[in-house]
Full PDB file with SEQRES, HELIX, SHEET, SSBOND, CRYST1, ORIGX, SCALE, CONECT and MASTER records, all heavy atoms in Angstrom:
SEQRES   1 A   38  GLU ARG GLU PHE VAL SER ALA ILE SER TRP SER GLY LEU          
SEQRES   2 A   38  ILE THR ASN TYR ALA ASP SER VAL LYS GLY ARG PHE THR          
SEQRES   3 A   38  ILE SER ARG ASP ASN ALA LYS ASN THR VAL TYR LEU              
SHEET    1 AA1 2 SER A   6  ILE A   8  0                                        
SHEET    2 AA1 2 THR A  15  TYR A  17 -1                                        
SHEET    1 AA2 2 SER A  28  ASP A  30  0                                        
SHEET    2 AA2 2 THR A  35  TYR A  37 -1                                        
CRYST1    1.000    1.000    1.000  90.00  90.00  90.00 P 1           1          
ORIGX1      1.000000  0.000000  0.000000        0.00000                         
ORIGX2      0.000000  1.000000  0.000000        0.00000                         
ORIGX3      0.000000  0.000000  1.000000        0.00000                         
SCALE1      1.000000  0.000000  0.000000        0.00000                         
SCALE2      0.000000  1.000000  0.000000        0.00000                         
SCALE3      0.000000  0.000000  1.000000        0.00000                         
ATOM      1  N   GLU A   1      31.499 175.740   2.097  1.00  0.00           N  
ATOM      2  CA  GLU A   1      32.818 175.552   2.686  1.00  0.00           C  
ATOM      3  C   GLU A   1      33.751 174.847   1.688  1.00  0.00           C  
ATOM      4  O   GLU A   1      33.297 174.153   0.777  1.00  0.00           O  
ATOM      5  CB  GLU A   1      32.702 174.717   3.964  1.00  0.00           C  
ATOM      6  CG  GLU A   1      32.027 175.445   5.100  1.00  0.00           C  
ATOM      7  CD  GLU A   1      32.237 174.749   6.433  1.00  0.00           C  
ATOM      8  OE1 GLU A   1      32.954 173.752   6.482  1.00  0.00           O  
ATOM      9  OE2 GLU A   1      31.684 175.238   7.439  1.00  0.00           O  
ATOM     10  N   ARG A   2      35.028 175.043   1.914  1.00  0.00           N  
ATOM     11  CA  ARG A   2      36.016 174.344   1.100  1.00  0.00           C  
ATOM     12  C   ARG A   2      35.938 172.850   1.411  1.00  0.00           C  
ATOM     13  O   ARG A   2      35.949 172.457   2.574  1.00  0.00           O  
ATOM     14  CB  ARG A   2      37.414 174.894   1.393  1.00  0.00           C  
ATOM     15  CG  ARG A   2      38.466 174.476   0.416  1.00  0.00           C  
ATOM     16  CD  ARG A   2      39.762 175.227   0.639  1.00  0.00           C  
ATOM     17  NE  ARG A   2      39.587 176.678   0.462  1.00  0.00           N  
ATOM     18  CZ  ARG A   2      40.579 177.551   0.435  1.00  0.00           C  
ATOM     19  NH1 ARG A   2      41.835 177.101   0.557  1.00  0.00           N  
ATOM     20  NH2 ARG A   2      40.342 178.825   0.308  1.00  0.00           N  
ATOM     21  N   GLU A   3      35.865 172.050   0.361  1.00  0.00           N  
ATOM     22  CA  GLU A   3      35.705 170.611   0.563  1.00  0.00           C  
ATOM     23  C   GLU A   3      36.806 169.819  -0.118  1.00  0.00           C  
ATOM     24  O   GLU A   3      37.376 170.245  -1.129  1.00  0.00           O  
ATOM     25  CB  GLU A   3      34.339 170.147   0.032  1.00  0.00           C  
ATOM     26  CG  GLU A   3      34.159 170.287  -1.458  1.00  0.00           C  
ATOM     27  CD  GLU A   3      32.834 169.688  -1.938  1.00  0.00           C  
ATOM     28  OE1 GLU A   3      32.004 169.265  -1.099  1.00  0.00           O  
ATOM     29  OE2 GLU A   3      32.645 169.640  -3.171  1.00  0.00           O  
ATOM     30  N   PHE A   4      37.058 168.655   0.442  1.00  0.00           N  
ATOM     31  CA  PHE A   4      38.070 167.752  -0.082  1.00  0.00           C  
ATOM     32  C   PHE A   4      37.643 167.179  -1.434  1.00  0.00           C  
ATOM     33  O   PHE A   4      36.476 166.822  -1.609  1.00  0.00           O  
ATOM     34  CB  PHE A   4      38.291 166.624   0.907  1.00  0.00           C  
ATOM     35  CG  PHE A   4      39.126 165.484   0.403  1.00  0.00           C  
ATOM     36  CD1 PHE A   4      40.503 165.622   0.295  1.00  0.00           C  
ATOM     37  CD2 PHE A   4      38.547 164.300   0.020  1.00  0.00           C  
ATOM     38  CE1 PHE A   4      41.274 164.586  -0.168  1.00  0.00           C  
ATOM     39  CE2 PHE A   4      39.297 163.243  -0.452  1.00  0.00           C  
ATOM     40  CZ  PHE A   4      40.671 163.386  -0.543  1.00  0.00           C  
ATOM     41  N   VAL A   5      38.588 167.083  -2.350  1.00  0.00           N  
ATOM     42  CA  VAL A   5      38.340 166.463  -3.650  1.00  0.00           C  
ATOM     43  C   VAL A   5      39.188 165.212  -3.821  1.00  0.00           C  
ATOM     44  O   VAL A   5      38.664 164.138  -4.112  1.00  0.00           O  
ATOM     45  CB  VAL A   5      38.637 167.452  -4.802  1.00  0.00           C  
ATOM     46  CG1 VAL A   5      38.487 166.749  -6.159  1.00  0.00           C  
ATOM     47  CG2 VAL A   5      37.733 168.667  -4.727  1.00  0.00           C  
ATOM     48  N   SER A   6      40.497 165.357  -3.632  1.00  0.00           N  
ATOM     49  CA  SER A   6      41.383 164.221  -3.881  1.00  0.00           C  
ATOM     50  C   SER A   6      42.711 164.466  -3.207  1.00  0.00           C  
ATOM     51  O   SER A   6      43.081 165.622  -2.937  1.00  0.00           O  
ATOM     52  CB  SER A   6      41.577 164.027  -5.386  1.00  0.00           C  
ATOM     53  OG  SER A   6      42.363 162.877  -5.653  1.00  0.00           O  
ATOM     54  N   ALA A   7      43.439 163.386  -2.937  1.00  0.00           N  
ATOM     55  CA  ALA A   7      44.759 163.493  -2.321  1.00  0.00           C  
ATOM     56  C   ALA A   7      45.662 162.391  -2.847  1.00  0.00           C  
ATOM     57  O   ALA A   7      45.187 161.346  -3.315  1.00  0.00           O  
ATOM     58  CB  ALA A   7      44.653 163.405  -0.804  1.00  0.00           C  
ATOM     59  N   ILE A   8      46.964 162.652  -2.755  1.00  0.00           N  
ATOM     60  CA  ILE A   8      47.954 161.687  -3.212  1.00  0.00           C  
ATOM     61  C   ILE A   8      49.146 161.716  -2.283  1.00  0.00           C  
ATOM     62  O   ILE A   8      49.555 162.774  -1.825  1.00  0.00           O  
ATOM     63  CB  ILE A   8      48.357 161.987  -4.682  1.00  0.00           C  
ATOM     64  CG1 ILE A   8      49.222 160.878  -5.271  1.00  0.00           C  
ATOM     65  CG2 ILE A   8      49.039 163.345  -4.801  1.00  0.00           C  
ATOM     66  CD1 ILE A   8      49.373 160.971  -6.788  1.00  0.00           C  
ATOM     67  N   SER A   9      49.695 160.549  -1.987  1.00  0.00           N  
ATOM     68  CA  SER A   9      50.859 160.469  -1.122  1.00  0.00           C  
ATOM     69  C   SER A   9      52.091 160.993  -1.849  1.00  0.00           C  
ATOM     70  O   SER A   9      52.089 161.128  -3.073  1.00  0.00           O  
ATOM     71  CB  SER A   9      51.084 159.021  -0.700  1.00  0.00           C  
ATOM     72  OG  SER A   9      51.349 158.202  -1.851  1.00  0.00           O  
ATOM     73  N   TRP A  10      53.157 161.237  -1.107  1.00  0.00           N  
ATOM     74  CA  TRP A  10      54.318 161.806  -1.795  1.00  0.00           C  
ATOM     75  C   TRP A  10      54.983 160.808  -2.726  1.00  0.00           C  
ATOM     76  O   TRP A  10      55.656 161.196  -3.672  1.00  0.00           O  
ATOM     77  CB  TRP A  10      55.307 162.482  -0.849  1.00  0.00           C  
ATOM     78  CG  TRP A  10      55.989 161.746   0.258  1.00  0.00           C  
ATOM     79  CD1 TRP A  10      55.755 161.912   1.593  1.00  0.00           C  
ATOM     80  CD2 TRP A  10      57.077 160.823   0.166  1.00  0.00           C  
ATOM     81  NE1 TRP A  10      56.613 161.132   2.325  1.00  0.00           N  
ATOM     82  CE2 TRP A  10      57.448 160.459   1.475  1.00  0.00           C  
ATOM     83  CE3 TRP A  10      57.786 160.242  -0.900  1.00  0.00           C  
ATOM     84  CZ2 TRP A  10      58.475 159.564   1.755  1.00  0.00           C  
ATOM     85  CZ3 TRP A  10      58.819 159.360  -0.620  1.00  0.00           C  
ATOM     86  CH2 TRP A  10      59.148 159.023   0.691  1.00  0.00           C  
ATOM     87  N   SER A  11      54.759 159.523  -2.462  1.00  0.00           N  
ATOM     88  CA  SER A  11      55.284 158.510  -3.375  1.00  0.00           C  
ATOM     89  C   SER A  11      54.434 158.375  -4.642  1.00  0.00           C  
ATOM     90  O   SER A  11      54.889 157.816  -5.644  1.00  0.00           O  
ATOM     91  CB  SER A  11      55.328 157.156  -2.692  1.00  0.00           C  
ATOM     92  OG  SER A  11      54.007 156.731  -2.399  1.00  0.00           O  
ATOM     93  N   GLY A  12      53.198 158.855  -4.575  1.00  0.00           N  
ATOM     94  CA  GLY A  12      52.264 158.675  -5.687  1.00  0.00           C  
ATOM     95  C   GLY A  12      51.560 157.335  -5.679  1.00  0.00           C  
ATOM     96  O   GLY A  12      50.698 157.075  -6.507  1.00  0.00           O  
ATOM     97  N   LEU A  13      51.904 156.479  -4.717  1.00  0.00           N  
ATOM     98  CA  LEU A  13      51.349 155.130  -4.697  1.00  0.00           C  
ATOM     99  C   LEU A  13      49.941 155.073  -4.127  1.00  0.00           C  
ATOM    100  O   LEU A  13      49.182 154.139  -4.439  1.00  0.00           O  
ATOM    101  CB  LEU A  13      52.272 154.211  -3.896  1.00  0.00           C  
ATOM    102  CG  LEU A  13      53.662 153.988  -4.475  1.00  0.00           C  
ATOM    103  CD1 LEU A  13      54.483 153.132  -3.524  1.00  0.00           C  
ATOM    104  CD2 LEU A  13      53.577 153.349  -5.849  1.00  0.00           C  
ATOM    105  N   ILE A  14      49.612 156.008  -3.273  1.00  0.00           N  
ATOM    106  CA  ILE A  14      48.315 156.001  -2.601  1.00  0.00           C  
ATOM    107  C   ILE A  14      47.532 157.234  -3.015  1.00  0.00           C  
ATOM    108  O   ILE A  14      48.047 158.350  -3.001  1.00  0.00           O  
ATOM    109  CB  ILE A  14      48.476 156.003  -1.076  1.00  0.00           C  
ATOM    110  CG1 ILE A  14      49.420 154.870  -0.629  1.00  0.00           C  
ATOM    111  CG2 ILE A  14      47.120 155.866  -0.412  1.00  0.00           C  
ATOM    112  CD1 ILE A  14      48.937 153.483  -0.965  1.00  0.00           C  
ATOM    113  N   THR A  15      46.283 157.023  -3.404  1.00  0.00           N  
ATOM    114  CA  THR A  15      45.388 158.132  -3.748  1.00  0.00           C  
ATOM    115  C   THR A  15      44.072 157.963  -3.007  1.00  0.00           C  
ATOM    116  O   THR A  15      43.726 156.879  -2.532  1.00  0.00           O  
ATOM    117  CB  THR A  15      45.122 158.202  -5.260  1.00  0.00           C  
ATOM    118  OG1 THR A  15      44.531 156.964  -5.688  1.00  0.00           O  
ATOM    119  CG2 THR A  15      46.408 158.436  -6.041  1.00  0.00           C  
ATOM    120  N   ASN A  16      43.328 159.062  -2.921  1.00  0.00           N  
ATOM    121  CA  ASN A  16      42.054 159.055  -2.226  1.00  0.00           C  
ATOM    122  C   ASN A  16      41.143 160.076  -2.877  1.00  0.00           C  
ATOM    123  O   ASN A  16      41.624 161.129  -3.342  1.00  0.00           O  
ATOM    124  CB  ASN A  16      42.267 159.381  -0.751  1.00  0.00           C  
ATOM    125  CG  ASN A  16      41.050 159.045   0.091  1.00  0.00           C  
ATOM    126  OD1 ASN A  16      40.194 159.894   0.306  1.00  0.00           O  
ATOM    127  ND2 ASN A  16      40.973 157.826   0.562  1.00  0.00           N  
ATOM    128  N   TYR A  17      39.845 159.777  -2.921  1.00  0.00           N  
ATOM    129  CA  TYR A  17      38.897 160.654  -3.601  1.00  0.00           C  
ATOM    130  C   TYR A  17      37.638 160.845  -2.784  1.00  0.00           C  
ATOM    131  O   TYR A  17      37.189 159.952  -2.067  1.00  0.00           O  
ATOM    132  CB  TYR A  17      38.492 160.048  -4.953  1.00  0.00           C  
ATOM    133  CG  TYR A  17      39.640 159.888  -5.919  1.00  0.00           C  
ATOM    134  CD1 TYR A  17      40.377 158.720  -5.957  1.00  0.00           C  
ATOM    135  CD2 TYR A  17      39.983 160.926  -6.783  1.00  0.00           C  
ATOM    136  CE1 TYR A  17      41.436 158.572  -6.846  1.00  0.00           C  
ATOM    137  CE2 TYR A  17      41.035 160.797  -7.662  1.00  0.00           C  
ATOM    138  CZ  TYR A  17      41.760 159.618  -7.692  1.00  0.00           C  
ATOM    139  OH  TYR A  17      42.809 159.493  -8.569  1.00  0.00           O  
ATOM    140  N   ALA A  18      37.038 162.012  -2.940  1.00  0.00           N  
ATOM    141  CA  ALA A  18      35.702 162.222  -2.418  1.00  0.00           C  
ATOM    142  C   ALA A  18      34.724 161.363  -3.220  1.00  0.00           C  
ATOM    143  O   ALA A  18      34.934 161.137  -4.427  1.00  0.00           O  
ATOM    144  CB  ALA A  18      35.320 163.691  -2.522  1.00  0.00           C  
ATOM    145  N   ASP A  19      33.680 160.908  -2.567  1.00  0.00           N  
ATOM    146  CA  ASP A  19      32.701 160.063  -3.254  1.00  0.00           C  
ATOM    147  C   ASP A  19      32.102 160.772  -4.470  1.00  0.00           C  
ATOM    148  O   ASP A  19      31.793 160.137  -5.479  1.00  0.00           O  
ATOM    149  CB  ASP A  19      31.584 159.665  -2.297  1.00  0.00           C  
ATOM    150  CG  ASP A  19      32.036 158.643  -1.273  1.00  0.00           C  
ATOM    151  OD1 ASP A  19      33.099 158.036  -1.470  1.00  0.00           O  
ATOM    152  OD2 ASP A  19      31.309 158.471  -0.275  1.00  0.00           O  
ATOM    153  N   SER A  20      31.967 162.073  -4.381  1.00  0.00           N  
ATOM    154  CA  SER A  20      31.313 162.844  -5.449  1.00  0.00           C  
ATOM    155  C   SER A  20      32.120 162.869  -6.744  1.00  0.00           C  
ATOM    156  O   SER A  20      31.566 163.173  -7.808  1.00  0.00           O  
ATOM    157  CB  SER A  20      31.039 164.264  -4.984  1.00  0.00           C  
ATOM    158  OG  SER A  20      32.245 164.903  -4.613  1.00  0.00           O  
ATOM    159  N   VAL A  21      33.419 162.571  -6.675  1.00  0.00           N  
ATOM    160  CA  VAL A  21      34.254 162.641  -7.877  1.00  0.00           C  
ATOM    161  C   VAL A  21      34.863 161.294  -8.239  1.00  0.00           C  
ATOM    162  O   VAL A  21      35.493 161.168  -9.293  1.00  0.00           O  
ATOM    163  CB  VAL A  21      35.379 163.688  -7.732  1.00  0.00           C  
ATOM    164  CG1 VAL A  21      34.805 165.043  -7.315  1.00  0.00           C  
ATOM    165  CG2 VAL A  21      36.434 163.228  -6.733  1.00  0.00           C  
ATOM    166  N   LYS A  22      34.661 160.296  -7.414  1.00  0.00           N  
ATOM    167  CA  LYS A  22      35.263 158.979  -7.642  1.00  0.00           C  
ATOM    168  C   LYS A  22      34.796 158.427  -8.986  1.00  0.00           C  
ATOM    169  O   LYS A  22      33.604 158.442  -9.309  1.00  0.00           O  
ATOM    170  CB  LYS A  22      34.887 158.047  -6.506  1.00  0.00           C  
ATOM    171  CG  LYS A  22      35.806 156.880  -6.304  1.00  0.00           C  
ATOM    172  CD  LYS A  22      35.457 156.136  -5.031  1.00  0.00           C  
ATOM    173  CE  LYS A  22      35.738 156.961  -3.795  1.00  0.00           C  
ATOM    174  NZ  LYS A  22      35.473 156.212  -2.538  1.00  0.00           N  
ATOM    175  N   GLY A  23      35.735 157.945  -9.767  1.00  0.00           N  
ATOM    176  CA  GLY A  23      35.420 157.405 -11.086  1.00  0.00           C  
ATOM    177  C   GLY A  23      35.424 158.450 -12.189  1.00  0.00           C  
ATOM    178  O   GLY A  23      35.403 158.082 -13.376  1.00  0.00           O  
ATOM    179  N   ARG A  24      35.460 159.729 -11.823  1.00  0.00           N  
ATOM    180  CA  ARG A  24      35.467 160.793 -12.841  1.00  0.00           C  
ATOM    181  C   ARG A  24      36.770 161.582 -12.812  1.00  0.00           C  
ATOM    182  O   ARG A  24      37.232 162.050 -13.846  1.00  0.00           O  
ATOM    183  CB  ARG A  24      34.305 161.767 -12.604  1.00  0.00           C  
ATOM    184  CG  ARG A  24      32.939 161.132 -12.699  1.00  0.00           C  
ATOM    185  CD  ARG A  24      31.820 162.182 -12.636  1.00  0.00           C  
ATOM    186  NE  ARG A  24      31.814 162.921 -11.381  1.00  0.00           N  
ATOM    187  CZ  ARG A  24      31.932 164.253 -11.299  1.00  0.00           C  
ATOM    188  NH1 ARG A  24      32.056 164.976 -12.393  1.00  0.00           N  
ATOM    189  NH2 ARG A  24      31.899 164.856 -10.115  1.00  0.00           N  
ATOM    190  N   PHE A  25      37.357 161.756 -11.629  1.00  0.00           N  
ATOM    191  CA  PHE A  25      38.590 162.536 -11.462  1.00  0.00           C  
ATOM    192  C   PHE A  25      39.753 161.587 -11.179  1.00  0.00           C  
ATOM    193  O   PHE A  25      39.583 160.547 -10.517  1.00  0.00           O  
ATOM    194  CB  PHE A  25      38.460 163.513 -10.305  1.00  0.00           C  
ATOM    195  CG  PHE A  25      37.507 164.652 -10.527  1.00  0.00           C  
ATOM    196  CD1 PHE A  25      36.631 164.694 -11.610  1.00  0.00           C  
ATOM    197  CD2 PHE A  25      37.460 165.717  -9.613  1.00  0.00           C  
ATOM    198  CE1 PHE A  25      35.757 165.745 -11.794  1.00  0.00           C  
ATOM    199  CE2 PHE A  25      36.589 166.776  -9.783  1.00  0.00           C  
ATOM    200  CZ  PHE A  25      35.730 166.792 -10.873  1.00  0.00           C  
ATOM    201  N   THR A  26      40.926 161.990 -11.625  1.00  0.00           N  
ATOM    202  CA  THR A  26      42.146 161.229 -11.361  1.00  0.00           C  
ATOM    203  C   THR A  26      43.256 162.190 -10.931  1.00  0.00           C  
ATOM    204  O   THR A  26      43.546 163.142 -11.657  1.00  0.00           O  
ATOM    205  CB  THR A  26      42.592 160.449 -12.599  1.00  0.00           C  
ATOM    206  OG1 THR A  26      41.548 159.565 -13.030  1.00  0.00           O  
ATOM    207  CG2 THR A  26      43.832 159.611 -12.277  1.00  0.00           C  
ATOM    208  N   ILE A  27      43.836 161.899  -9.789  1.00  0.00           N  
ATOM    209  CA  ILE A  27      44.968 162.693  -9.308  1.00  0.00           C  
ATOM    210  C   ILE A  27      46.257 161.967  -9.660  1.00  0.00           C  
ATOM    211  O   ILE A  27      46.323 160.726  -9.634  1.00  0.00           O  
ATOM    212  CB  ILE A  27      44.866 162.937  -7.790  1.00  0.00           C  
ATOM    213  CG1 ILE A  27      45.887 163.984  -7.335  1.00  0.00           C  
ATOM    214  CG2 ILE A  27      44.989 161.648  -6.993  1.00  0.00           C  
ATOM    215  CD1 ILE A  27      45.694 164.453  -5.882  1.00  0.00           C  
ATOM    216  N   SER A  28      47.273 162.732 -10.003  1.00  0.00           N  
ATOM    217  CA  SER A  28      48.579 162.150 -10.296  1.00  0.00           C  
ATOM    218  C   SER A  28      49.639 163.198  -9.990  1.00  0.00           C  
ATOM    219  O   SER A  28      49.328 164.362  -9.764  1.00  0.00           O  
ATOM    220  CB  SER A  28      48.662 161.705 -11.760  1.00  0.00           C  
ATOM    221  OG  SER A  28      48.518 162.812 -12.640  1.00  0.00           O  
ATOM    222  N   ARG A  29      50.886 162.761  -9.996  1.00  0.00           N  
ATOM    223  CA  ARG A  29      51.982 163.684  -9.735  1.00  0.00           C  
ATOM    224  C   ARG A  29      53.190 163.284 -10.553  1.00  0.00           C  
ATOM    225  O   ARG A  29      53.378 162.113 -10.881  1.00  0.00           O  
ATOM    226  CB  ARG A  29      52.322 163.742  -8.248  1.00  0.00           C  
ATOM    227  CG  ARG A  29      52.855 162.448  -7.668  1.00  0.00           C  
ATOM    228  CD  ARG A  29      52.935 162.534  -6.148  1.00  0.00           C  
ATOM    229  NE  ARG A  29      53.895 163.562  -5.721  1.00  0.00           N  
ATOM    230  CZ  ARG A  29      53.849 164.179  -4.533  1.00  0.00           C  
ATOM    231  NH1 ARG A  29      52.904 163.867  -3.670  1.00  0.00           N  
ATOM    232  NH2 ARG A  29      54.769 165.070  -4.214  1.00  0.00           N  
ATOM    233  N   ASP A  30      54.001 164.284 -10.854  1.00  0.00           N  
ATOM    234  CA  ASP A  30      55.277 164.078 -11.542  1.00  0.00           C  
ATOM    235  C   ASP A  30      56.343 164.720 -10.661  1.00  0.00           C  
ATOM    236  O   ASP A  30      56.497 165.958 -10.678  1.00  0.00           O  
ATOM    237  CB  ASP A  30      55.242 164.700 -12.936  1.00  0.00           C  
ATOM    238  CG  ASP A  30      56.481 164.397 -13.742  1.00  0.00           C  
ATOM    239  OD1 ASP A  30      57.531 164.110 -13.136  1.00  0.00           O  
ATOM    240  OD2 ASP A  30      56.414 164.459 -14.980  1.00  0.00           O  
ATOM    241  N   ASN A  31      57.032 163.929  -9.890  1.00  0.00           N  
ATOM    242  CA  ASN A  31      58.010 164.479  -8.951  1.00  0.00           C  
ATOM    243  C   ASN A  31      59.199 165.113  -9.665  1.00  0.00           C  
ATOM    244  O   ASN A  31      59.865 165.984  -9.096  1.00  0.00           O  
ATOM    245  CB  ASN A  31      58.476 163.411  -7.980  1.00  0.00           C  
ATOM    246  CG  ASN A  31      57.421 163.089  -6.932  1.00  0.00           C  
ATOM    247  OD1 ASN A  31      56.387 163.783  -6.832  1.00  0.00           O  
ATOM    248  ND2 ASN A  31      57.624 162.027  -6.179  1.00  0.00           N  
ATOM    249  N   ALA A  32      59.446 164.713 -10.893  1.00  0.00           N  
ATOM    250  CA  ALA A  32      60.532 165.333 -11.661  1.00  0.00           C  
ATOM    251  C   ALA A  32      60.170 166.746 -12.093  1.00  0.00           C  
ATOM    252  O   ALA A  32      61.048 167.587 -12.321  1.00  0.00           O  
ATOM    253  CB  ALA A  32      60.874 164.476 -12.870  1.00  0.00           C  
ATOM    254  N   LYS A  33      58.874 167.024 -12.212  1.00  0.00           N  
ATOM    255  CA  LYS A  33      58.407 168.344 -12.644  1.00  0.00           C  
ATOM    256  C   LYS A  33      57.816 169.144 -11.489  1.00  0.00           C  
ATOM    257  O   LYS A  33      57.295 170.238 -11.700  1.00  0.00           O  
ATOM    258  CB  LYS A  33      57.359 168.198 -13.754  1.00  0.00           C  
ATOM    259  CG  LYS A  33      57.908 167.597 -15.026  1.00  0.00           C  
ATOM    260  CD  LYS A  33      56.837 167.546 -16.113  1.00  0.00           C  
ATOM    261  CE  LYS A  33      57.418 167.003 -17.400  1.00  0.00           C  
ATOM    262  NZ  LYS A  33      56.400 166.948 -18.485  1.00  0.00           N  
ATOM    263  N   ASN A  34      57.862 168.604 -10.269  1.00  0.00           N  
ATOM    264  CA  ASN A  34      57.313 169.297  -9.099  1.00  0.00           C  
ATOM    265  C   ASN A  34      55.865 169.723  -9.328  1.00  0.00           C  
ATOM    266  O   ASN A  34      55.465 170.844  -8.951  1.00  0.00           O  
ATOM    267  CB  ASN A  34      58.154 170.531  -8.752  1.00  0.00           C  
ATOM    268  CG  ASN A  34      59.503 170.164  -8.178  1.00  0.00           C  
ATOM    269  OD1 ASN A  34      59.847 168.998  -8.083  1.00  0.00           O  
ATOM    270  ND2 ASN A  34      60.266 171.162  -7.800  1.00  0.00           N  
ATOM    271  N   THR A  35      55.092 168.837  -9.921  1.00  0.00           N  
ATOM    272  CA  THR A  35      53.727 169.183 -10.307  1.00  0.00           C  
ATOM    273  C   THR A  35      52.764 168.060  -9.954  1.00  0.00           C  
ATOM    274  O   THR A  35      53.079 166.878 -10.119  1.00  0.00           O  
ATOM    275  CB  THR A  35      53.652 169.471 -11.826  1.00  0.00           C  
ATOM    276  OG1 THR A  35      54.550 170.549 -12.143  1.00  0.00           O  
ATOM    277  CG2 THR A  35      52.245 169.878 -12.229  1.00  0.00           C  
ATOM    278  N   VAL A  36      51.592 168.462  -9.482  1.00  0.00           N  
ATOM    279  CA  VAL A  36      50.496 167.533  -9.254  1.00  0.00           C  
ATOM    280  C   VAL A  36      49.358 167.913 -10.194  1.00  0.00           C  
ATOM    281  O   VAL A  36      49.167 169.087 -10.502  1.00  0.00           O  
ATOM    282  CB  VAL A  36      50.049 167.538  -7.776  1.00  0.00           C  
ATOM    283  CG1 VAL A  36      49.506 168.896  -7.357  1.00  0.00           C  
ATOM    284  CG2 VAL A  36      49.041 166.435  -7.502  1.00  0.00           C  
ATOM    285  N   TYR A  37      48.641 166.905 -10.655  1.00  0.00           N  
ATOM    286  CA  TYR A  37      47.581 167.115 -11.642  1.00  0.00           C  
ATOM    287  C   TYR A  37      46.250 166.597 -11.118  1.00  0.00           C  
ATOM    288  O   TYR A  37      46.196 165.696 -10.279  1.00  0.00           O  
ATOM    289  CB  TYR A  37      47.914 166.367 -12.936  1.00  0.00           C  
ATOM    290  CG  TYR A  37      49.248 166.725 -13.524  1.00  0.00           C  
ATOM    291  CD1 TYR A  37      50.370 165.940 -13.280  1.00  0.00           C  
ATOM    292  CD2 TYR A  37      49.398 167.850 -14.341  1.00  0.00           C  
ATOM    293  CE1 TYR A  37      51.605 166.262 -13.829  1.00  0.00           C  
ATOM    294  CE2 TYR A  37      50.630 168.178 -14.875  1.00  0.00           C  
ATOM    295  CZ  TYR A  37      51.726 167.380 -14.625  1.00  0.00           C  
ATOM    296  OH  TYR A  37      52.947 167.715 -15.164  1.00  0.00           O  
ATOM    297  N   LEU A  38      45.187 167.156 -11.660  1.00  0.00           N  
ATOM    298  CA  LEU A  38      43.855 166.627 -11.416  1.00  0.00           C  
ATOM    299  C   LEU A  38      43.144 166.559 -12.768  1.00  0.00           C  
ATOM    300  O   LEU A  38      42.791 167.597 -13.332  1.00  0.00           O  
ATOM    301  CB  LEU A  38      43.069 167.494 -10.445  1.00  0.00           C  
ATOM    302  CG  LEU A  38      41.714 166.931 -10.031  1.00  0.00           C  
ATOM    303  CD1 LEU A  38      41.897 165.672  -9.164  1.00  0.00           C  
ATOM    304  CD2 LEU A  38      40.883 167.973  -9.264  1.00  0.00           C  
TER     305      LEU A  38                                                      
MASTER        0    0    0    0    4    0    0    6  304    1    0    3          
END                                                                             
């Protein structure tokens, strides 16, 4: 099944990760570029 990896609030201030990727993956966003990164 499709599983959660990471999420970020629209402000970028709050992030959340699945335990399986915590410490290895980083989510971020650039609102000026309309882009989110992993």
